[in-house]
N, C-alpha and C. Protein backbone atom coordinates (compact mmCIF):
# COMPACT_ATOMS: atom_id res chain seq x y z
N MET A 1 54.35 4.43 -34.70
CA MET A 1 53.60 4.08 -33.81
C MET A 1 52.34 5.06 -33.80
N LYS A 2 52.46 6.41 -33.89
CA LYS A 2 51.17 7.28 -33.80
C LYS A 2 50.57 6.77 -34.88
N LYS A 3 50.72 6.17 -36.04
CA LYS A 3 50.09 6.13 -37.00
C LYS A 3 49.14 4.54 -36.84
N SER A 4 49.43 3.62 -35.99
CA SER A 4 48.57 2.62 -35.30
C SER A 4 47.66 2.75 -34.54
N TYR A 5 48.04 3.96 -33.76
CA TYR A 5 46.74 4.50 -33.16
C TYR A 5 45.74 5.16 -33.76
N ILE A 6 45.97 5.74 -35.05
CA ILE A 6 44.98 6.51 -35.57
C ILE A 6 44.19 5.21 -36.47
N ILE A 7 44.82 4.48 -36.83
CA ILE A 7 44.20 3.46 -37.49
C ILE A 7 43.36 2.74 -36.99
N ALA A 8 43.73 2.25 -35.48
CA ALA A 8 43.14 1.69 -34.75
C ALA A 8 41.39 2.53 -34.32
N ALA A 9 41.86 3.69 -33.76
CA ALA A 9 40.81 4.72 -33.77
C ALA A 9 39.75 4.73 -34.84
N VAL A 10 40.11 4.61 -36.22
CA VAL A 10 39.30 5.06 -37.35
C VAL A 10 38.75 3.48 -37.33
N ALA A 11 39.49 2.30 -37.33
CA ALA A 11 38.81 0.88 -37.33
C ALA A 11 37.48 0.99 -36.07
N VAL A 12 37.93 1.21 -35.20
CA VAL A 12 36.70 1.34 -34.36
C VAL A 12 35.65 2.10 -34.48
N VAL A 13 35.59 3.14 -35.02
CA VAL A 13 34.77 4.27 -35.42
C VAL A 13 33.69 3.49 -36.52
N VAL A 14 34.67 3.02 -37.53
CA VAL A 14 33.78 2.35 -38.72
C VAL A 14 33.24 1.11 -38.19
N LEU A 15 33.51 0.50 -37.28
CA LEU A 15 32.94 -0.58 -36.69
C LEU A 15 31.78 -0.54 -36.14
N PHE A 16 31.94 0.71 -35.26
CA PHE A 16 30.88 1.03 -34.28
C PHE A 16 29.63 1.51 -35.10
N GLY A 17 30.24 2.33 -36.20
CA GLY A 17 29.25 2.79 -37.12
C GLY A 17 28.39 1.71 -37.75
N LEU A 18 28.97 0.78 -38.36
CA LEU A 18 28.49 -0.52 -38.91
C LEU A 18 27.38 -1.11 -38.32
N CYS A 19 28.03 -1.39 -36.77
CA CYS A 19 26.87 -1.69 -35.97
C CYS A 19 25.52 -1.17 -35.65
N CYS A 20 25.96 0.20 -35.25
CA CYS A 20 24.80 0.86 -34.91
C CYS A 20 24.11 1.35 -36.25
N GLY A 21 24.62 1.25 -36.95
CA GLY A 21 23.75 1.29 -38.60
C GLY A 21 22.83 0.39 -39.03
N GLY A 22 23.52 -0.87 -38.80
CA GLY A 22 22.99 -1.84 -39.19
C GLY A 22 21.65 -2.28 -38.13
N PHE A 23 21.67 -1.60 -36.83
CA PHE A 23 20.59 -1.75 -35.94
C PHE A 23 19.58 -0.68 -36.14
N CYS A 24 20.12 0.47 -36.32
CA CYS A 24 19.15 1.53 -36.38
C CYS A 24 18.30 1.47 -37.82
N CYS A 25 19.06 1.27 -38.70
CA CYS A 25 18.78 1.37 -40.06
C CYS A 25 17.71 0.16 -40.22
N LYS A 26 17.60 -0.92 -39.59
CA LYS A 26 17.21 -2.22 -39.80
C LYS A 26 15.49 -1.83 -40.04
N LYS A 27 15.26 -2.35 -41.50
CA LYS A 27 13.72 -2.15 -41.50
C LYS A 27 12.76 -2.80 -40.53
N GLY A 28 11.52 -2.05 -40.09
CA GLY A 28 10.90 -2.41 -39.25
C GLY A 28 11.35 -2.28 -37.87
N ALA A 29 12.42 -1.88 -37.19
CA ALA A 29 12.96 -1.42 -36.29
C ALA A 29 11.98 -0.24 -35.64
N GLN A 30 11.37 -0.88 -34.42
CA GLN A 30 10.66 0.23 -34.03
C GLN A 30 10.92 0.65 -32.68
N VAL A 31 10.02 1.82 -32.40
CA VAL A 31 10.26 2.79 -31.32
C VAL A 31 8.97 2.87 -30.49
N ALA A 32 8.75 2.66 -29.30
CA ALA A 32 7.57 3.23 -28.51
C ALA A 32 7.35 4.48 -28.28
N VAL A 33 6.05 5.04 -28.31
CA VAL A 33 5.87 6.21 -28.16
C VAL A 33 4.51 6.53 -27.19
N VAL A 34 4.62 7.63 -26.36
CA VAL A 34 3.88 7.70 -25.53
C VAL A 34 3.17 9.02 -25.23
N ASP A 35 2.06 9.35 -25.10
CA ASP A 35 1.40 10.56 -25.10
C ASP A 35 1.18 11.03 -23.49
N VAL A 36 2.50 11.38 -23.25
CA VAL A 36 2.79 11.52 -21.61
C VAL A 36 1.54 12.67 -21.23
N GLN A 37 1.32 13.76 -22.11
CA GLN A 37 0.00 14.51 -21.48
C GLN A 37 -1.29 13.91 -21.31
N ARG A 38 -1.75 12.95 -21.96
CA ARG A 38 -2.80 12.12 -21.75
C ARG A 38 -2.51 11.25 -20.55
N VAL A 39 -1.62 10.51 -20.46
CA VAL A 39 -1.21 9.72 -19.22
C VAL A 39 -1.19 10.55 -17.89
N VAL A 40 -0.98 11.81 -17.89
CA VAL A 40 -0.56 12.83 -16.67
C VAL A 40 -2.24 13.15 -16.44
N ALA A 41 -3.14 13.35 -17.48
CA ALA A 41 -4.44 13.89 -17.70
C ALA A 41 -5.42 12.83 -16.50
N GLN A 42 -5.09 11.61 -16.83
CA GLN A 42 -5.68 10.58 -16.50
C GLN A 42 -5.23 9.86 -15.15
N ALA A 43 -4.06 10.58 -14.94
CA ALA A 43 -3.50 9.53 -13.51
C ALA A 43 -3.92 10.11 -12.27
N ARG A 44 -4.87 9.41 -11.61
CA ARG A 44 -5.54 9.50 -10.43
C ARG A 44 -4.67 10.14 -9.37
N PRO A 45 -3.46 9.76 -9.25
CA PRO A 45 -2.50 10.61 -8.15
C PRO A 45 -2.55 12.08 -8.59
N VAL A 46 -2.31 12.16 -9.53
CA VAL A 46 -2.08 13.55 -10.48
C VAL A 46 -3.17 14.35 -10.12
N ILE A 47 -4.31 14.12 -10.50
CA ILE A 47 -5.60 14.29 -10.35
C ILE A 47 -6.04 14.77 -8.62
N GLU A 48 -5.55 13.74 -8.05
CA GLU A 48 -5.73 14.10 -6.47
C GLU A 48 -4.84 15.33 -6.04
N LEU A 49 -3.50 15.27 -6.46
CA LEU A 49 -2.64 16.31 -6.14
C LEU A 49 -3.25 17.71 -6.49
N ARG A 50 -3.53 17.60 -7.60
CA ARG A 50 -4.13 19.10 -8.03
C ARG A 50 -5.21 19.56 -7.26
N GLN A 51 -6.27 18.67 -6.72
CA GLN A 51 -7.30 18.68 -5.95
C GLN A 51 -6.76 19.26 -4.69
N ASN A 52 -5.83 18.44 -4.35
CA ASN A 52 -5.23 19.05 -2.75
C ASN A 52 -4.79 20.05 -2.92
N MET A 53 -4.08 20.71 -4.06
CA MET A 53 -3.44 22.01 -3.87
C MET A 53 -4.46 22.92 -4.46
N GLN A 54 -5.47 22.50 -4.90
CA GLN A 54 -6.56 23.71 -5.20
C GLN A 54 -7.40 23.79 -3.58
N ASN A 55 -7.62 22.96 -2.73
CA ASN A 55 -7.96 23.03 -1.53
C ASN A 55 -7.02 23.80 -0.57
N GLN A 56 -5.78 23.62 -0.47
CA GLN A 56 -4.82 24.39 0.28
C GLN A 56 -5.01 25.69 -0.43
N MET A 57 -5.17 26.00 -1.46
CA MET A 57 -5.01 27.30 -1.63
C MET A 57 -6.38 28.05 -1.20
N SER A 58 -7.40 27.57 -1.49
CA SER A 58 -8.99 27.89 -0.84
C SER A 58 -8.55 28.37 0.65
N GLY A 59 -8.35 27.16 1.15
CA GLY A 59 -7.73 27.30 2.60
C GLY A 59 -7.09 28.76 3.24
N LEU A 60 -6.40 28.57 2.08
CA LEU A 60 -5.00 29.92 2.30
C LEU A 60 -5.84 31.23 2.02
N GLN A 61 -6.78 31.38 0.92
CA GLN A 61 -7.65 32.80 0.66
C GLN A 61 -8.46 33.02 1.68
N GLU A 62 -9.09 31.67 2.27
CA GLU A 62 -10.03 31.99 3.66
C GLU A 62 -9.18 32.54 4.88
N TRP A 63 -7.95 32.37 4.77
CA TRP A 63 -7.07 32.54 5.89
C TRP A 63 -6.50 34.02 5.62
N VAL A 64 -6.56 34.33 4.43
CA VAL A 64 -6.12 35.62 3.92
C VAL A 64 -7.30 36.98 4.58
N LYS A 65 -8.60 36.04 4.20
CA LYS A 65 -9.52 37.13 4.36
C LYS A 65 -9.70 37.23 6.00
N ALA A 66 -9.50 36.18 6.57
CA ALA A 66 -9.65 36.37 8.30
C ALA A 66 -8.59 37.41 8.85
N SER A 67 -7.49 37.43 8.01
CA SER A 67 -6.46 38.14 8.63
C SER A 67 -6.70 39.37 8.11
N ASN A 68 -7.23 39.85 7.12
CA ASN A 68 -7.56 41.22 6.43
C ASN A 68 -8.64 41.85 7.28
N ALA A 69 -9.92 40.76 7.68
CA ALA A 69 -10.56 41.33 8.80
C ALA A 69 -10.12 41.64 10.29
N GLU A 70 -9.20 41.13 10.70
CA GLU A 70 -8.53 41.40 11.81
C GLU A 70 -7.80 42.71 11.66
N ILE A 71 -7.10 42.96 10.53
CA ILE A 71 -6.07 43.94 10.27
C ILE A 71 -7.29 44.99 10.50
N ASP A 72 -8.15 44.98 9.79
CA ASP A 72 -9.54 46.11 9.58
C ASP A 72 -9.73 46.85 10.85
N LYS A 73 -10.05 45.79 11.72
CA LYS A 73 -10.42 45.98 13.16
C LYS A 73 -9.67 46.54 14.01
N ALA A 74 -8.30 46.75 13.68
CA ALA A 74 -7.24 47.21 14.71
C ALA A 74 -7.57 48.65 14.70
N ASP A 75 -7.36 49.58 15.85
CA ASP A 75 -7.91 50.42 16.25
C ASP A 75 -6.81 51.64 16.05
N SER A 76 -5.56 51.29 15.50
CA SER A 76 -4.40 52.37 15.10
C SER A 76 -3.83 51.76 14.29
N GLN A 77 -3.32 52.73 13.21
CA GLN A 77 -2.28 52.36 12.12
C GLN A 77 -1.48 51.62 12.44
N ALA A 78 -0.67 52.00 13.63
CA ALA A 78 0.62 51.38 14.14
C ALA A 78 0.06 49.79 14.14
N LYS A 79 -0.95 49.69 14.58
CA LYS A 79 -1.40 48.27 15.08
C LYS A 79 -1.57 47.44 13.71
N LYS A 80 -2.10 48.46 12.89
CA LYS A 80 -2.59 47.91 11.34
C LYS A 80 -1.35 47.16 10.68
N ASP A 81 -0.48 48.33 10.96
CA ASP A 81 0.80 47.96 10.06
C ASP A 81 1.79 46.75 10.62
N GLU A 82 1.64 46.68 12.02
CA GLU A 82 1.95 45.47 12.71
C GLU A 82 1.37 44.18 12.23
N LEU A 83 0.21 44.34 12.14
CA LEU A 83 -0.55 43.06 12.04
C LEU A 83 -0.27 42.56 10.42
N THR A 84 -0.19 43.82 9.80
CA THR A 84 -0.07 43.63 8.02
C THR A 84 1.46 42.74 8.24
N LYS A 85 2.46 43.00 8.68
CA LYS A 85 3.73 42.62 8.57
C LYS A 85 3.63 41.30 8.99
N LYS A 86 3.24 40.88 10.21
CA LYS A 86 3.10 39.86 10.74
C LYS A 86 2.31 38.82 9.62
N TYR A 87 1.20 39.07 9.29
CA TYR A 87 0.34 38.26 8.47
C TYR A 87 1.34 38.01 7.03
N GLN A 88 1.55 39.12 6.28
CA GLN A 88 2.43 39.05 5.60
C GLN A 88 3.62 37.97 5.35
N GLU A 89 4.12 38.03 6.77
CA GLU A 89 5.06 36.87 6.77
C GLU A 89 4.89 35.67 6.99
N GLU A 90 3.48 35.37 7.74
CA GLU A 90 2.85 34.05 7.67
C GLU A 90 2.36 33.66 6.38
N LEU A 91 2.10 34.73 5.48
CA LEU A 91 1.58 34.16 4.36
C LEU A 91 2.77 33.39 3.48
N ALA A 92 3.99 33.97 3.52
CA ALA A 92 4.80 33.80 2.77
C ALA A 92 5.72 32.63 2.89
N GLN A 93 5.70 32.22 4.34
CA GLN A 93 5.46 30.84 5.04
C GLN A 93 4.75 29.87 4.54
N LYS A 94 3.64 29.87 4.60
CA LYS A 94 2.52 29.24 4.45
C LYS A 94 2.43 28.67 2.92
N GLN A 95 2.70 29.77 1.89
CA GLN A 95 2.93 29.63 0.52
C GLN A 95 4.14 28.81 0.38
N GLU A 96 5.29 28.94 0.63
CA GLU A 96 6.37 28.11 0.82
C GLU A 96 6.18 26.72 0.98
N VAL A 97 5.62 26.59 2.11
CA VAL A 97 5.62 24.94 2.52
C VAL A 97 4.63 24.31 1.57
N ILE A 98 3.49 25.07 1.20
CA ILE A 98 2.71 24.37 0.25
C ILE A 98 3.24 24.29 -1.09
N GLN A 99 4.23 25.08 -1.75
CA GLN A 99 4.71 24.80 -3.04
C GLN A 99 6.07 23.73 -2.61
N GLN A 100 6.70 23.80 -1.52
CA GLN A 100 7.75 22.58 -1.63
C GLN A 100 6.90 21.32 -1.50
N ASP A 101 5.76 21.24 -0.60
CA ASP A 101 5.08 19.79 -0.62
C ASP A 101 4.52 19.58 -1.94
N TYR A 102 3.81 20.33 -2.75
CA TYR A 102 3.27 20.12 -4.07
C TYR A 102 4.68 19.43 -5.04
N ALA A 103 5.72 20.32 -4.90
CA ALA A 103 7.06 20.03 -5.88
C ALA A 103 7.32 18.78 -5.40
N ALA A 104 7.70 18.38 -4.21
CA ALA A 104 7.99 17.08 -3.63
C ALA A 104 7.21 15.89 -4.31
N LYS A 105 5.75 16.08 -4.13
CA LYS A 105 4.99 14.87 -4.31
C LYS A 105 4.56 14.98 -5.95
N LEU A 106 5.06 16.05 -6.53
CA LEU A 106 4.93 16.20 -7.98
C LEU A 106 6.03 15.28 -8.72
N LYS A 107 7.16 15.56 -7.91
CA LYS A 107 8.75 14.67 -8.40
C LYS A 107 8.30 13.20 -8.05
N GLN A 108 7.90 12.70 -7.33
CA GLN A 108 7.47 11.33 -6.74
C GLN A 108 6.54 10.88 -7.96
N LEU A 109 5.38 11.52 -8.29
CA LEU A 109 4.59 11.05 -9.32
C LEU A 109 5.19 10.99 -10.48
N ASP A 110 6.03 12.01 -11.00
CA ASP A 110 6.87 11.81 -12.12
C ASP A 110 7.78 10.62 -12.03
N ASP A 111 8.47 10.67 -10.90
CA ASP A 111 9.08 9.19 -11.16
C ASP A 111 8.48 8.15 -11.34
N GLN A 112 7.13 8.23 -10.51
CA GLN A 112 6.27 6.71 -10.78
C GLN A 112 5.85 6.52 -12.16
N ILE A 113 5.41 7.85 -12.73
CA ILE A 113 4.76 7.28 -13.84
C ILE A 113 6.04 7.00 -15.26
N THR A 114 7.22 7.85 -14.94
CA THR A 114 8.34 7.65 -15.74
C THR A 114 8.66 5.96 -15.74
N LYS A 115 8.56 5.38 -14.30
CA LYS A 115 9.06 4.15 -14.48
C LYS A 115 7.88 2.90 -14.85
N ILE A 116 6.57 3.43 -14.74
CA ILE A 116 5.40 2.53 -15.41
C ILE A 116 5.68 2.72 -17.28
N ILE A 117 6.22 3.93 -17.40
CA ILE A 117 6.67 3.92 -18.95
C ILE A 117 7.78 3.25 -19.46
N GLU A 118 8.66 2.95 -18.46
CA GLU A 118 9.84 2.04 -18.64
C GLU A 118 9.46 0.86 -18.71
N GLU A 119 8.74 0.14 -17.89
CA GLU A 119 8.33 -0.92 -17.62
C GLU A 119 7.28 -1.35 -18.85
N THR A 120 6.51 -0.50 -18.75
CA THR A 120 5.50 -0.98 -20.38
C THR A 120 6.21 -1.02 -21.47
N ALA A 121 7.09 -0.13 -21.68
CA ALA A 121 7.99 -0.30 -23.03
C ALA A 121 8.47 -1.73 -23.09
N LYS A 122 9.49 -1.97 -21.73
CA LYS A 122 10.18 -3.02 -21.87
C LYS A 122 9.53 -4.37 -21.84
N SER A 123 8.33 -4.46 -21.47
CA SER A 123 7.50 -5.58 -21.27
C SER A 123 6.84 -5.94 -22.62
N GLU A 124 6.84 -4.67 -23.51
CA GLU A 124 6.36 -4.80 -24.96
C GLU A 124 7.55 -4.94 -25.86
N GLY A 125 8.67 -5.27 -25.43
CA GLY A 125 9.73 -5.07 -26.08
C GLY A 125 10.59 -4.21 -27.04
N PHE A 126 10.42 -3.03 -26.40
CA PHE A 126 10.98 -1.78 -26.87
C PHE A 126 12.13 -1.47 -25.99
N GLY A 127 13.11 -1.10 -26.48
CA GLY A 127 14.36 -0.32 -25.83
C GLY A 127 14.15 0.93 -25.39
N VAL A 128 13.14 1.84 -26.57
CA VAL A 128 13.10 2.98 -26.17
C VAL A 128 11.83 3.58 -26.37
N ALA A 129 11.60 4.46 -25.57
CA ALA A 129 10.38 5.37 -25.53
C ALA A 129 10.17 6.82 -25.62
N LEU A 130 9.74 6.97 -26.66
CA LEU A 130 9.60 8.69 -26.64
C LEU A 130 8.58 9.36 -26.36
N VAL A 131 8.60 10.73 -26.16
CA VAL A 131 7.24 11.25 -26.07
C VAL A 131 6.71 11.90 -27.62
N LYS A 132 5.67 11.12 -27.50
CA LYS A 132 4.83 11.25 -28.78
C LYS A 132 4.85 12.24 -29.44
N THR A 133 4.70 13.83 -28.66
CA THR A 133 4.64 15.23 -29.50
C THR A 133 6.34 15.39 -30.04
N SER A 134 7.18 14.50 -29.72
CA SER A 134 8.59 14.79 -30.17
C SER A 134 8.89 14.00 -31.36
N VAL A 135 7.57 13.00 -31.89
CA VAL A 135 7.89 12.35 -33.04
C VAL A 135 7.41 12.56 -34.08
N ALA A 136 8.16 12.90 -35.46
CA ALA A 136 7.07 13.37 -36.52
C ALA A 136 6.25 12.49 -36.94
N ALA A 137 6.77 10.99 -37.13
CA ALA A 137 6.09 10.18 -37.81
C ALA A 137 6.56 8.80 -37.25
N GLY A 138 5.91 7.76 -37.14
CA GLY A 138 6.20 6.47 -36.55
C GLY A 138 5.90 6.02 -35.25
N GLY A 139 6.54 5.32 -34.82
CA GLY A 139 6.51 4.78 -33.56
C GLY A 139 5.13 3.98 -33.26
N VAL A 140 5.11 2.95 -32.14
CA VAL A 140 4.20 2.49 -31.79
C VAL A 140 3.77 2.86 -30.59
N ASP A 141 2.53 3.25 -30.50
CA ASP A 141 1.82 3.94 -29.38
C ASP A 141 1.38 2.98 -28.53
N ILE A 142 2.26 3.06 -27.05
CA ILE A 142 1.57 2.55 -25.99
C ILE A 142 0.96 3.29 -24.90
N THR A 143 0.42 4.21 -25.39
CA THR A 143 0.01 5.03 -24.08
C THR A 143 -1.22 4.25 -23.53
N GLU A 144 -2.23 3.88 -24.11
CA GLU A 144 -3.32 2.99 -23.84
C GLU A 144 -2.71 2.04 -22.58
N LYS A 145 -1.86 1.27 -23.07
CA LYS A 145 -1.12 0.24 -21.91
C LYS A 145 -0.59 0.82 -20.76
N VAL A 146 -0.03 2.15 -20.90
CA VAL A 146 0.75 2.76 -19.73
C VAL A 146 -0.58 3.32 -18.79
N ILE A 147 -1.74 3.63 -19.52
CA ILE A 147 -2.94 4.18 -18.60
C ILE A 147 -3.19 3.13 -18.05
N ALA A 148 -3.31 2.12 -18.31
CA ALA A 148 -3.89 0.79 -17.82
C ALA A 148 -3.37 0.30 -16.69
N LYS A 149 -1.81 0.61 -16.69
CA LYS A 149 -0.98 0.37 -15.69
C LYS A 149 -0.86 1.49 -14.22
N LEU A 150 -1.65 2.52 -14.40
CA LEU A 150 -1.73 3.64 -13.55
C LEU A 150 -2.33 3.23 -12.36
N PRO A 151 -2.10 3.60 -11.23
CA PRO A 151 -2.46 3.32 -9.92
C PRO A 151 -4.22 3.72 -10.02
N LYS A 152 -4.97 3.11 -9.40
CA LYS A 152 -6.33 3.47 -9.44
C LYS A 152 -6.89 4.47 -8.31
């Protein structure tokens, strides 16, 4: 009884290996590759997100300058310490909000770009798309086709 399970398991493994080996080793089997760094560098929403983040950080720097000026105007060390603590807490909150917002938007963009890559690979007849930098040789580069489908 136990011997029949082992024989069945070996038969399944051999059959699976032959099927997969026939597909994977087939001469001319192609895989899509994508230069993701180029895609991201040319994605308008990513460029806009980076610019928005830079604007927010510039605004935060201006806020810090104004806060420091107010601290400097305080008439006693106790008041300066109080204001410093207050503004440090506010700064930490503002930074956290900016970082959380950036991370959420970046995740959405990542999902959107991944979907475009998947759809492009599928429409070109590929079942697999790999990051170009992880492929030593071979593959059909679909980077330009992905870039063409990015939001303008």
